[in-house]
Amino acid sequence: MKFATAQKFVFNNIDSILIAITGFIFILLLAKYGGIGISPDSVTYASVAKNLVAHGKLIEYDEMPYVDFPVGYPVFLSIFFKLFGDDYVHTGTYINALLFAVLILMCGLAMNRFTYTSRLYKIVVLLCILLSPGLLEVYSMIWSETLFIFLAVLFILMLHKYLNTLNISALFAAAFIAATICIIRYAGICVIGVGGFVLLFMKHKTIKQKTVHIILFGLTACSFLVFNLIRNFYALGYLTGEREKSLTSLTGNFNYFGITLYDWLPYAFNHYLPETIFGIAVVLLLGAAVIWHLVTKKHNTSFEYIAATFAFGYISFMIITATVSRFEALNSRLFSPAFIPMLWVLAYWLNKTVIASKGWKRFLVICFNVFIAVFFICNEFIPSYGNYSDIKDYGIPGYTDDDWRLSPTVKYIQRDSVFRSDFDMYSNANDAVFFFTGRSTQRLPHRQSPDEIKEFNDDDHFYIVWFNLGFDPDIIALKDILKNKPMKLIKQFPDGAVYMTIDADMLNINKTLATPKPTVILHK
């Protein structure tokens, strides 16, 4: 009986399974040359996970408490480190490939229960997910979005089950997933808002039942985040790390969203509208789709309705948050959790036009939809294949590509014998120094932090490792350091340089190194 059930499942979902397997292979191919992609955030995540396994502490590579990001993703990584070893550059390839494959399969299973269903319709949408340059970028890197996107789709599935059954266990499952999302990324708090909004406007048997269910959902969904914030406050005195006021206006953030949309769309659609207007228009259309479902009461328990609510809520939250608080400029990575819900919303309305039309008009609408689908898929394939053509001979952009792996500056700092153990070391890319050497290095001070600059200027015994690739406009420039601090050039390279304080160089100290203190090596 079990075999027959499994056989039926495979037959009914063979298209989703084959596309999911293809997605798994795609990630393996992207990471074949140099391993999975590593960015500064990746180094932070992996170092915390390693320290959690090795020492049971949530601390970063610079030995500071981990508070800028939630604890969920490093804890997730630590499970795999414990089971399979901590060479995440290679092991992480399989973890991301598996996440991407299961994500595609899960989307296929969800689409079997959409309002308007057809196998061709499902295949087209799954191919759009498979070939999306934005999603392939995310799943080729060690980023928390890989798990966030997976859990966001799982949340939509479970919330849909609850809306259609009012089953209390489905409610708690959705709340538990929302709670987990909140400790993967702080932006996950918008998922609580999405869930609360959907529950508020759904049909319940009684007002009392609705009230009780909303309270149960809210308390459960907030629980993990509250514990995380309390832990952060006791660890470092901040709830989510030290945050600076945003330098980007609301209009500027809508502009970033518009740029991201144009990156996701086929080239033929690019720049018919200014990016800011395009970004605002899409957010308004998503909001209108939510209102339409509520007012007309049509399909207001469907996946498409939940997807529209999620996309509108998440994008609005990101744009507003980026206007208030300063972090990296909004981009495809940060908006990527909204890609699949937006795709579902678009597919819903395109398919709805087919259902609503009749006769020769229906034939024309079908032809138009087929044209749009083929055009969209082809225009996703072209940039994705172009990216792969570069990556297969060069590596995924980041610390595992050839620019960094073959860097003369990196090769030099990997020789411990060239540095004195009694000297501090600063760098404009201290995460890169740790990744390649395992050496804890201080980051150069921020321009807007007088306390950091004073502490730096008071230090007379240190090295500076400067990477041309590690440009960061927020930290003090090398020319300003050399202007205000007497430094000696130790070694110049095409991609960087190593400097040493002159006063320290004049000291007649034995340059024999002491044994470096044990540290966690990220990359073997």
Protein backbone atom coordinates (compact mmCIF):
# COMPACT_ATOMS: atom_id res chain seq x y z
CA MET A 1 0.00 0.00 0.00
CA LYS A 2 2.81 2.40 0.92
CA PHE A 3 4.64 1.57 -2.31
CA ALA A 4 1.48 2.26 -4.32
CA THR A 5 1.03 5.60 -2.54
CA ALA A 6 4.65 6.57 -3.25
CA GLN A 7 4.28 5.50 -6.87
CA LYS A 8 1.16 7.63 -7.23
CA PHE A 9 2.94 10.63 -5.66
CA VAL A 10 5.85 10.32 -8.10
CA PHE A 11 3.52 9.98 -11.09
CA ASN A 12 1.41 13.00 -10.08
CA ASN A 13 4.46 15.16 -9.38
CA ILE A 14 7.01 13.86 -11.88
CA ASP A 15 7.35 17.31 -13.47
CA SER A 16 8.09 18.98 -10.11
CA ILE A 17 10.52 16.20 -9.17
CA LEU A 18 12.48 16.44 -12.43
CA ILE A 19 12.75 20.25 -12.22
CA ALA A 20 13.78 19.97 -8.55
CA ILE A 21 16.56 17.50 -9.47
CA THR A 22 17.67 19.91 -12.20
CA GLY A 23 17.82 22.70 -9.61
CA PHE A 24 20.02 20.51 -7.39
CA ILE A 25 22.38 19.92 -10.32
CA PHE A 26 22.44 23.63 -11.22
CA ILE A 27 23.79 24.59 -7.79
CA LEU A 28 26.40 21.83 -7.96
CA LEU A 29 27.53 23.13 -11.36
CA LEU A 30 27.75 26.72 -10.13
CA ALA A 31 29.91 25.66 -7.18
CA LYS A 32 32.02 23.10 -9.07
CA TYR A 33 35.02 25.35 -9.73
CA GLY A 34 35.83 26.81 -6.34
CA GLY A 35 33.06 25.79 -3.97
CA ILE A 36 30.03 27.69 -2.74
CA GLY A 37 30.14 31.49 -2.76
CA ILE A 38 31.44 33.32 0.31
CA SER A 39 30.75 36.96 1.17
CA PRO A 40 31.57 38.96 4.34
CA ASP A 41 28.18 37.95 5.79
CA SER A 42 28.98 34.32 4.96
CA VAL A 43 32.19 34.50 7.00
CA THR A 44 30.22 35.83 9.96
CA TYR A 45 27.56 33.11 9.74
CA ALA A 46 30.08 30.29 9.36
CA SER A 47 32.43 31.54 12.08
CA VAL A 48 29.57 31.75 14.59
CA ALA A 49 28.42 28.25 13.64
CA LYS A 50 31.96 26.91 14.09
CA ASN A 51 32.39 28.60 17.45
CA LEU A 52 29.02 27.24 18.54
CA VAL A 53 30.16 23.70 17.73
CA ALA A 54 33.65 24.14 19.14
CA HIS A 55 32.97 26.26 22.24
CA GLY A 56 29.19 26.39 22.67
CA LYS A 57 29.23 30.20 22.25
CA LEU A 58 27.52 32.49 19.75
CA ILE A 59 30.56 34.65 18.99
CA GLU A 60 31.95 35.95 15.70
CA TYR A 61 35.43 35.56 14.27
CA ASP A 62 36.51 38.78 16.01
CA GLU A 63 35.38 37.25 19.34
CA MET A 64 32.48 39.70 19.68
CA PRO A 65 28.98 38.50 20.63
CA TYR A 66 26.80 37.78 17.60
CA VAL A 67 23.90 40.26 17.65
CA ASP A 68 23.74 42.03 14.27
CA PHE A 69 21.87 39.06 12.79
CA PRO A 70 19.50 36.58 14.46
CA VAL A 71 20.89 33.29 15.74
CA GLY A 72 18.79 30.94 13.59
CA TYR A 73 20.97 30.56 10.51
CA PRO A 74 24.27 29.91 12.34
CA VAL A 75 22.46 27.37 14.53
CA PHE A 76 21.18 25.73 11.34
CA LEU A 77 24.72 25.60 9.94
CA SER A 78 26.14 24.27 13.19
CA ILE A 79 23.96 21.15 12.89
CA PHE A 80 25.62 20.29 9.59
CA PHE A 81 29.06 21.22 10.92
CA LYS A 82 28.54 18.79 13.78
CA LEU A 83 27.40 15.99 11.46
CA PHE A 84 29.59 16.46 8.39
CA GLY A 85 32.55 18.60 9.42
CA ASP A 86 33.09 22.32 9.08
CA ASP A 87 34.59 22.66 5.59
CA TYR A 88 31.53 24.59 4.56
CA VAL A 89 33.00 25.88 1.30
CA HIS A 90 32.37 22.41 -0.13
CA THR A 91 29.77 20.90 2.22
CA GLY A 92 27.66 24.03 1.89
CA THR A 93 27.27 23.35 -1.82
CA TYR A 94 25.17 20.27 -1.09
CA ILE A 95 23.16 21.98 1.65
CA ASN A 96 22.21 24.85 -0.68
CA ALA A 97 21.54 22.48 -3.58
CA LEU A 98 19.22 20.43 -1.38
CA LEU A 99 17.41 23.54 -0.11
CA PHE A 100 16.90 24.79 -3.67
CA ALA A 101 15.64 21.41 -4.88
CA VAL A 102 13.19 21.01 -1.99
CA LEU A 103 12.02 24.60 -2.50
CA ILE A 104 11.13 23.84 -6.14
CA LEU A 105 9.39 20.59 -5.19
CA MET A 106 7.44 22.36 -2.46
CA CYS A 107 6.32 25.06 -4.93
CA GLY A 108 5.13 22.33 -7.30
CA LEU A 109 3.11 20.66 -4.55
CA ALA A 110 1.57 24.00 -3.61
CA MET A 111 0.61 24.77 -7.20
CA ASN A 112 -1.32 21.50 -7.42
CA ARG A 113 -3.85 23.17 -5.12
CA PHE A 114 -3.98 26.60 -6.75
CA THR A 115 -7.29 28.12 -7.79
CA TYR A 116 -6.57 27.58 -11.48
CA THR A 117 -4.43 24.52 -12.06
CA SER A 118 -2.89 22.83 -15.08
CA ARG A 119 0.29 20.86 -15.53
CA LEU A 120 1.59 23.20 -18.23
CA TYR A 121 0.89 26.22 -16.03
CA LYS A 122 2.82 24.60 -13.17
CA ILE A 123 5.78 23.63 -15.36
CA VAL A 124 6.12 27.17 -16.72
CA VAL A 125 6.18 28.72 -13.23
CA LEU A 126 8.63 26.12 -11.90
CA LEU A 127 10.96 26.76 -14.85
CA CYS A 128 10.81 30.49 -14.04
CA ILE A 129 11.87 29.65 -10.47
CA LEU A 130 14.59 27.27 -11.65
CA LEU A 131 16.14 29.78 -14.08
CA SER A 132 15.71 32.92 -11.97
CA PRO A 133 19.08 34.76 -11.87
CA GLY A 134 18.10 36.24 -8.50
CA LEU A 135 17.35 32.88 -6.85
CA LEU A 136 20.40 31.20 -8.43
CA GLU A 137 22.55 34.00 -7.01
CA VAL A 138 21.10 33.49 -3.52
CA TYR A 139 21.44 29.69 -3.55
CA SER A 140 25.01 29.87 -4.80
CA MET A 141 26.06 31.81 -1.67
CA ILE A 142 26.23 31.15 2.08
CA TRP A 143 23.39 33.53 2.88
CA SER A 144 20.55 33.30 5.36
CA GLU A 145 18.09 34.03 2.54
CA THR A 146 18.53 30.41 1.37
CA LEU A 147 16.73 29.19 4.49
CA PHE A 148 14.47 32.25 4.78
CA ILE A 149 12.93 31.74 1.32
CA PHE A 150 12.40 28.03 1.95
CA LEU A 151 10.62 28.70 5.25
CA ALA A 152 8.58 31.57 3.75
CA VAL A 153 7.08 29.23 1.13
CA LEU A 154 6.51 26.59 3.81
CA PHE A 155 4.71 29.23 5.90
CA ILE A 156 2.42 30.06 2.96
CA LEU A 157 1.60 26.36 2.56
CA MET A 158 0.76 25.90 6.23
CA LEU A 159 -1.24 29.14 6.46
CA HIS A 160 -3.25 27.99 3.43
CA LYS A 161 -3.97 24.69 5.17
CA TYR A 162 -5.20 26.55 8.23
CA LEU A 163 -7.43 28.91 6.23
CA ASN A 164 -9.15 25.97 4.60
CA THR A 165 -9.50 23.74 7.69
CA LEU A 166 -9.40 26.07 10.74
CA ASN A 167 -7.38 23.26 12.31
CA ILE A 168 -5.61 24.45 15.48
CA SER A 169 -2.59 22.23 14.79
CA ALA A 170 -2.15 23.91 11.38
CA LEU A 171 -2.34 27.29 13.13
CA PHE A 172 0.41 26.36 15.57
CA ALA A 173 2.51 24.90 12.75
CA ALA A 174 2.23 28.17 10.80
CA ALA A 175 3.06 30.16 13.95
CA PHE A 176 6.07 27.95 14.70
CA ILE A 177 7.39 28.45 11.15
CA ALA A 178 6.87 32.22 11.48
CA ALA A 179 8.76 32.17 14.80
CA THR A 180 11.65 30.34 13.14
CA ILE A 181 11.71 32.78 10.22
CA CYS A 182 12.08 35.67 12.69
CA ILE A 183 15.34 34.24 14.01
CA ILE A 184 16.70 33.63 10.51
CA ARG A 185 16.43 37.29 9.55
CA TYR A 186 15.00 40.19 11.54
CA ALA A 187 12.91 41.04 8.46
CA GLY A 188 10.96 37.90 9.33
CA ILE A 189 8.89 40.02 11.71
CA CYS A 190 6.84 41.06 8.67
CA VAL A 191 5.71 37.41 8.38
CA ILE A 192 3.99 37.79 11.75
CA GLY A 193 2.20 40.84 10.36
CA VAL A 194 1.19 38.93 7.22
CA GLY A 195 -0.18 36.03 9.27
CA GLY A 196 -2.05 38.36 11.63
CA PHE A 197 -3.56 40.28 8.70
CA VAL A 198 -4.77 37.11 6.97
CA LEU A 199 -6.28 35.77 10.21
CA LEU A 200 -7.98 39.09 10.92
CA PHE A 201 -9.93 39.10 7.65
CA MET A 202 -10.69 35.41 7.29
CA LYS A 203 -14.01 33.76 8.01
CA HIS A 204 -14.24 32.17 11.46
CA LYS A 205 -17.16 30.51 13.08
CA THR A 206 -17.29 33.20 15.80
CA ILE A 207 -15.53 36.46 16.71
CA LYS A 208 -14.30 34.77 19.88
CA GLN A 209 -12.62 32.02 17.87
CA LYS A 210 -10.96 34.58 15.61
CA THR A 211 -9.67 36.55 18.60
CA VAL A 212 -8.31 33.48 20.37
CA HIS A 213 -6.61 32.19 17.22
CA ILE A 214 -4.98 35.56 16.47
CA ILE A 215 -3.63 35.79 20.04
CA LEU A 216 -2.32 32.22 19.92
CA PHE A 217 -0.65 32.85 16.57
CA GLY A 218 0.89 36.15 17.67
CA LEU A 219 2.29 34.88 20.97
CA THR A 220 3.76 31.74 19.39
CA ALA A 221 5.18 33.56 16.35
CA CYS A 222 6.90 36.21 18.52
CA SER A 223 8.37 33.79 21.06
CA PHE A 224 11.72 32.91 19.45
CA LEU A 225 12.40 36.52 18.46
CA VAL A 226 11.75 37.77 22.00
CA PHE A 227 14.22 35.26 23.43
CA ASN A 228 16.77 36.25 20.77
CA LEU A 229 16.41 39.97 21.56
CA ILE A 230 16.73 39.38 25.31
CA ARG A 231 19.87 37.32 24.70
CA ASN A 232 21.29 40.12 22.48
CA PHE A 233 20.64 42.77 25.13
CA TYR A 234 22.39 40.81 27.86
CA ALA A 235 25.28 39.93 25.54
CA LEU A 236 26.09 43.40 24.21
CA GLY A 237 23.50 45.91 25.41
CA TYR A 238 21.73 46.15 22.04
CA LEU A 239 18.57 44.42 20.84
CA THR A 240 19.71 44.06 17.20
CA GLY A 241 23.20 45.51 17.27
CA GLU A 242 24.20 49.14 16.94
CA ARG A 243 22.06 50.67 14.20
CA GLU A 244 22.65 53.92 12.34
CA LYS A 245 20.09 56.26 10.81
CA SER A 246 19.38 55.60 7.16
CA LEU A 247 20.97 57.81 4.51
CA THR A 248 18.50 56.70 1.82
CA SER A 249 15.14 58.37 1.30
CA LEU A 250 11.83 56.60 0.75
CA THR A 251 11.99 57.59 -2.92
CA GLY A 252 15.52 56.23 -3.15
CA ASN A 253 14.44 52.86 -1.75
CA PHE A 254 11.54 52.64 -4.21
CA ASN A 255 14.17 53.33 -6.87
CA TYR A 256 16.24 50.36 -5.64
CA PHE A 257 13.15 48.18 -5.79
CA GLY A 258 12.48 49.30 -9.36
CA ILE A 259 16.07 48.49 -10.33
CA THR A 260 15.66 45.01 -8.83
CA LEU A 261 12.43 44.45 -10.77
CA TYR A 262 14.12 45.41 -14.02
CA ASP A 263 16.92 42.96 -13.20
CA TRP A 264 14.31 40.22 -12.75
CA LEU A 265 12.36 41.03 -15.91
CA PRO A 266 13.36 40.16 -19.49
CA TYR A 267 15.55 42.80 -21.09
CA ALA A 268 12.82 43.85 -23.51
CA PHE A 269 10.78 45.23 -20.56
CA ASN A 270 13.63 47.30 -19.19
CA HIS A 271 13.29 51.00 -18.47
CA TYR A 272 9.95 51.83 -20.05
CA LEU A 273 9.22 53.59 -16.77
CA PRO A 274 11.63 55.33 -14.39
CA GLU A 275 12.74 52.86 -11.71
CA THR A 276 11.09 54.78 -8.86
CA ILE A 277 7.70 55.00 -10.61
CA PHE A 278 7.91 51.35 -11.62
CA GLY A 279 8.68 50.30 -8.04
CA ILE A 280 5.78 52.33 -6.62
CA ALA A 281 3.41 51.01 -9.30
CA VAL A 282 4.19 47.37 -8.52
CA VAL A 283 3.71 47.86 -4.77
CA LEU A 284 0.35 49.57 -5.43
CA LEU A 285 -0.71 46.74 -7.76
CA LEU A 286 0.15 44.15 -5.11
CA GLY A 287 -1.86 46.13 -2.55
CA ALA A 288 -4.76 46.36 -5.01
CA ALA A 289 -4.64 42.58 -5.54
CA VAL A 290 -4.95 42.02 -1.77
CA ILE A 291 -7.88 44.44 -1.51
CA TRP A 292 -9.60 42.82 -4.51
CA HIS A 293 -9.50 39.40 -2.82
CA LEU A 294 -10.91 40.87 0.39
CA VAL A 295 -13.65 43.02 -1.16
CA THR A 296 -14.90 40.51 -3.71
CA LYS A 297 -14.39 37.59 -1.31
CA LYS A 298 -13.09 35.61 -4.30
CA HIS A 299 -10.42 33.04 -3.55
CA ASN A 300 -9.60 34.77 -0.25
CA THR A 301 -8.38 31.50 1.23
CA SER A 302 -6.20 30.66 -1.78
CA PHE A 303 -2.45 30.40 -2.13
CA GLU A 304 -2.53 33.33 -4.54
CA TYR A 305 -4.21 35.60 -1.97
CA ILE A 306 -1.69 34.68 0.73
CA ALA A 307 1.15 35.16 -1.79
CA ALA A 308 -0.12 38.65 -2.71
CA THR A 309 -0.36 39.57 0.98
CA PHE A 310 3.13 38.23 1.68
CA ALA A 311 4.70 40.01 -1.31
CA PHE A 312 3.02 43.33 -0.48
CA GLY A 313 3.85 43.06 3.24
CA TYR A 314 7.47 41.98 2.78
CA ILE A 315 8.37 44.53 0.10
CA SER A 316 6.68 47.38 2.00
CA PHE A 317 8.47 46.35 5.21
CA MET A 318 11.88 46.28 3.51
CA ILE A 319 11.41 49.68 1.87
CA ILE A 320 10.17 51.34 5.07
CA THR A 321 12.87 49.73 7.23
CA ALA A 322 15.63 50.78 4.82
CA THR A 323 14.29 54.34 5.00
CA VAL A 324 14.56 54.37 8.81
CA SER A 325 17.61 52.20 9.53
CA ARG A 326 20.92 51.99 7.68
CA PHE A 327 22.14 48.74 6.17
CA GLU A 328 23.33 47.64 2.75
CA ALA A 329 21.46 49.16 -0.18
CA LEU A 330 18.32 47.25 -1.12
CA ASN A 331 19.08 44.80 -3.90
CA SER A 332 18.03 41.52 -5.49
CA ARG A 333 19.32 39.50 -2.54
CA LEU A 334 17.25 41.40 0.01
CA PHE A 335 14.10 41.37 -2.14
CA SER A 336 14.52 37.72 -3.22
CA PRO A 337 11.99 36.28 -0.68
CA ALA A 338 9.26 38.17 -2.59
CA PHE A 339 10.15 36.70 -6.00
CA ILE A 340 8.15 33.46 -5.83
CA PRO A 341 5.03 35.06 -4.24
CA MET A 342 5.12 37.80 -6.91
CA LEU A 343 5.46 35.18 -9.63
CA TRP A 344 2.45 33.33 -8.23
CA VAL A 345 0.39 36.53 -8.20
CA LEU A 346 1.33 37.31 -11.82
CA ALA A 347 0.55 33.75 -12.94
CA TYR A 348 -2.81 33.88 -11.14
CA TRP A 349 -3.96 36.94 -13.05
CA LEU A 350 -2.66 35.68 -16.39
CA ASN A 351 -4.41 32.36 -15.90
CA LYS A 352 -7.57 34.12 -14.71
CA THR A 353 -7.78 35.93 -18.07
CA VAL A 354 -7.77 32.55 -19.82
CA ILE A 355 -10.59 31.20 -17.64
CA ALA A 356 -12.66 34.38 -18.06
CA SER A 357 -12.42 34.46 -21.87
CA LYS A 358 -14.41 32.38 -24.35
CA GLY A 359 -14.33 31.38 -28.02
CA TRP A 360 -11.76 32.98 -30.29
CA LYS A 361 -10.85 35.49 -27.56
CA ARG A 362 -9.78 32.64 -25.34
CA PHE A 363 -7.55 31.29 -28.10
CA LEU A 364 -5.87 34.70 -28.46
CA VAL A 365 -5.41 35.02 -24.68
CA ILE A 366 -3.85 31.54 -24.52
CA CYS A 367 -1.47 32.41 -27.36
CA PHE A 368 -0.53 35.64 -25.61
CA ASN A 369 0.14 33.84 -22.30
CA VAL A 370 2.23 31.19 -24.05
CA PHE A 371 4.26 33.93 -25.74
CA ILE A 372 4.81 35.71 -22.43
CA ALA A 373 5.86 32.44 -20.74
CA VAL A 374 8.33 31.41 -23.46
CA PHE A 375 9.70 34.93 -23.70
CA PHE A 376 10.15 35.19 -19.93
CA ILE A 377 11.83 31.78 -19.60
CA CYS A 378 14.19 32.41 -22.53
CA ASN A 379 15.18 35.79 -21.13
CA GLU A 380 15.88 34.24 -17.73
CA PHE A 381 17.96 31.50 -19.32
CA ILE A 382 20.23 33.91 -21.24
CA PRO A 383 21.62 35.87 -18.22
CA SER A 384 21.71 32.74 -16.04
CA TYR A 385 23.74 30.89 -18.64
CA GLY A 386 25.97 33.94 -19.10
CA ASN A 387 26.66 34.00 -15.36
CA TYR A 388 27.45 30.27 -15.41
CA SER A 389 29.88 30.74 -18.32
CA ASP A 390 31.90 33.12 -16.15
CA ILE A 391 31.55 31.16 -12.92
CA LYS A 392 32.66 27.79 -14.36
CA ASP A 393 36.11 29.20 -15.21
CA TYR A 394 36.41 31.84 -12.52
CA GLY A 395 34.38 30.88 -9.45
CA ILE A 396 31.32 32.35 -7.78
CA PRO A 397 31.93 36.08 -7.07
CA GLY A 398 33.22 36.41 -3.52
CA TYR A 399 36.09 34.97 -1.51
CA THR A 400 36.09 31.70 -3.46
CA ASP A 401 36.61 33.30 -6.89
CA ASP A 402 40.02 33.60 -8.55
CA ASP A 403 40.48 37.29 -7.75
CA TRP A 404 40.59 36.43 -4.06
CA ARG A 405 41.90 32.85 -4.08
CA LEU A 406 44.89 33.77 -6.29
CA SER A 407 45.43 37.19 -4.73
CA PRO A 408 49.14 37.99 -4.13
CA THR A 409 48.12 39.91 -1.00
CA VAL A 410 46.29 36.85 0.33
CA LYS A 411 49.26 34.59 -0.45
CA TYR A 412 51.53 36.96 1.46
CA ILE A 413 49.42 37.25 4.62
CA GLN A 414 49.04 33.46 4.76
CA ARG A 415 52.74 33.35 5.71
CA ASP A 416 52.67 33.76 9.50
CA SER A 417 56.43 34.31 9.64
CA VAL A 418 56.18 37.78 8.07
CA PHE A 419 54.17 39.22 10.98
CA ARG A 420 55.14 39.94 14.55
CA SER A 421 52.87 38.31 17.11
CA ASP A 422 52.96 41.26 19.52
CA PHE A 423 51.38 43.64 17.00
CA ASP A 424 47.74 44.24 16.23
CA MET A 425 46.46 43.89 12.69
CA TYR A 426 43.82 46.01 10.97
CA SER A 427 42.22 45.54 7.58
CA ASN A 428 39.51 47.02 5.40
CA ALA A 429 38.38 43.40 4.85
CA ASN A 430 39.06 41.71 8.18
CA ASP A 431 36.58 38.97 7.32
CA ALA A 432 38.73 38.08 4.29
CA VAL A 433 41.84 37.92 6.48
CA PHE A 434 40.05 35.54 8.84
CA PHE A 435 38.66 33.44 6.00
CA PHE A 436 42.06 32.87 4.40
CA THR A 437 44.29 32.75 7.48
CA GLY A 438 42.14 32.11 10.55
CA ARG A 439 43.74 35.18 12.13
CA SER A 440 41.47 37.51 14.13
CA THR A 441 41.91 40.98 12.67
CA GLN A 442 40.37 44.30 13.64
CA ARG A 443 38.34 46.24 11.12
CA LEU A 444 39.47 49.76 10.32
CA PRO A 445 37.29 52.35 12.10
CA HIS A 446 34.13 53.82 10.58
CA ARG A 447 34.25 57.40 9.35
CA GLN A 448 31.26 58.33 11.52
CA SER A 449 32.64 56.83 14.74
CA PRO A 450 34.97 59.23 16.62
CA ASP A 451 35.51 56.69 19.41
CA GLU A 452 36.74 54.03 16.99
CA ILE A 453 39.01 56.52 15.22
CA LYS A 454 40.50 57.72 18.53
CA GLU A 455 41.18 54.16 19.67
CA PHE A 456 42.83 53.44 16.33
CA ASN A 457 45.00 56.58 16.48
CA ASP A 458 46.11 55.72 20.01
CA ASP A 459 47.51 52.38 18.83
CA ASP A 460 51.16 52.69 17.77
CA HIS A 461 51.99 49.03 17.11
CA PHE A 462 50.02 47.48 14.29
CA TYR A 463 49.91 46.32 10.70
CA ILE A 464 47.38 47.32 8.04
CA VAL A 465 46.38 44.81 5.38
CA TRP A 466 44.69 46.71 2.60
CA PHE A 467 42.72 45.01 -0.18
CA ASN A 468 41.79 46.99 -3.28
CA LEU A 469 38.85 44.61 -3.72
CA GLY A 470 37.62 45.32 -0.19
CA PHE A 471 36.46 48.89 -0.84
CA ASP A 472 34.03 50.11 1.81
CA PRO A 473 33.06 53.81 1.75
CA ASP A 474 31.97 53.66 5.41
CA ILE A 475 35.48 53.11 6.80
CA ILE A 476 38.36 55.59 6.81
CA ALA A 477 40.30 55.69 3.54
CA LEU A 478 43.88 54.49 3.26
CA LYS A 479 45.06 57.90 2.06
CA ASP A 480 43.66 59.50 5.23
CA ILE A 481 45.42 56.93 7.41
CA LEU A 482 48.77 57.52 5.66
CA LYS A 483 48.29 61.27 5.94
CA ASN A 484 47.68 61.21 9.70
CA LYS A 485 49.70 58.20 10.83
CA PRO A 486 53.40 57.47 10.15
CA MET A 487 53.38 54.16 8.28
CA LYS A 488 55.96 52.11 6.41
CA LEU A 489 55.06 50.17 3.28
CA ILE A 490 56.08 46.55 3.87
CA LYS A 491 54.88 45.08 0.61
CA GLN A 492 52.97 46.42 -2.39
CA PHE A 493 50.88 44.16 -4.62
CA PRO A 494 48.67 44.76 -7.67
CA ASP A 495 45.61 44.06 -5.56
CA GLY A 496 46.63 45.46 -2.18
CA ALA A 497 49.39 46.35 0.25
CA VAL A 498 50.69 45.70 3.76
CA TYR A 499 51.78 48.58 6.00
CA MET A 500 53.40 48.79 9.41
CA THR A 501 53.64 51.66 11.90
CA ILE A 502 57.04 53.34 11.60
CA ASP A 503 57.49 53.69 15.35
CA ALA A 504 56.97 49.99 15.72
CA ASP A 505 59.46 49.24 12.96
CA MET A 506 62.14 51.25 14.72
CA LEU A 507 61.78 49.23 17.90
CA ASN A 508 64.52 46.63 18.26
CA ILE A 509 62.29 43.69 19.13
CA ASN A 510 62.92 40.09 18.29
CA LYS A 511 60.77 39.30 15.28
CA THR A 512 60.51 35.64 16.11
CA LEU A 513 56.82 34.85 16.36
CA ALA A 514 55.21 33.34 19.34
CA THR A 515 52.81 30.52 18.67
CA PRO A 516 49.58 32.07 17.42
CA LYS A 517 46.62 31.58 19.74
CA PRO A 518 44.20 28.87 18.62
CA THR A 519 41.48 30.09 16.34
CA VAL A 520 38.83 28.60 14.16
CA ILE A 521 39.92 28.22 10.53
CA LEU A 522 37.07 28.82 8.12
CA HIS A 523 38.69 27.66 4.91
CA LYS A 524 41.00 24.69 4.62
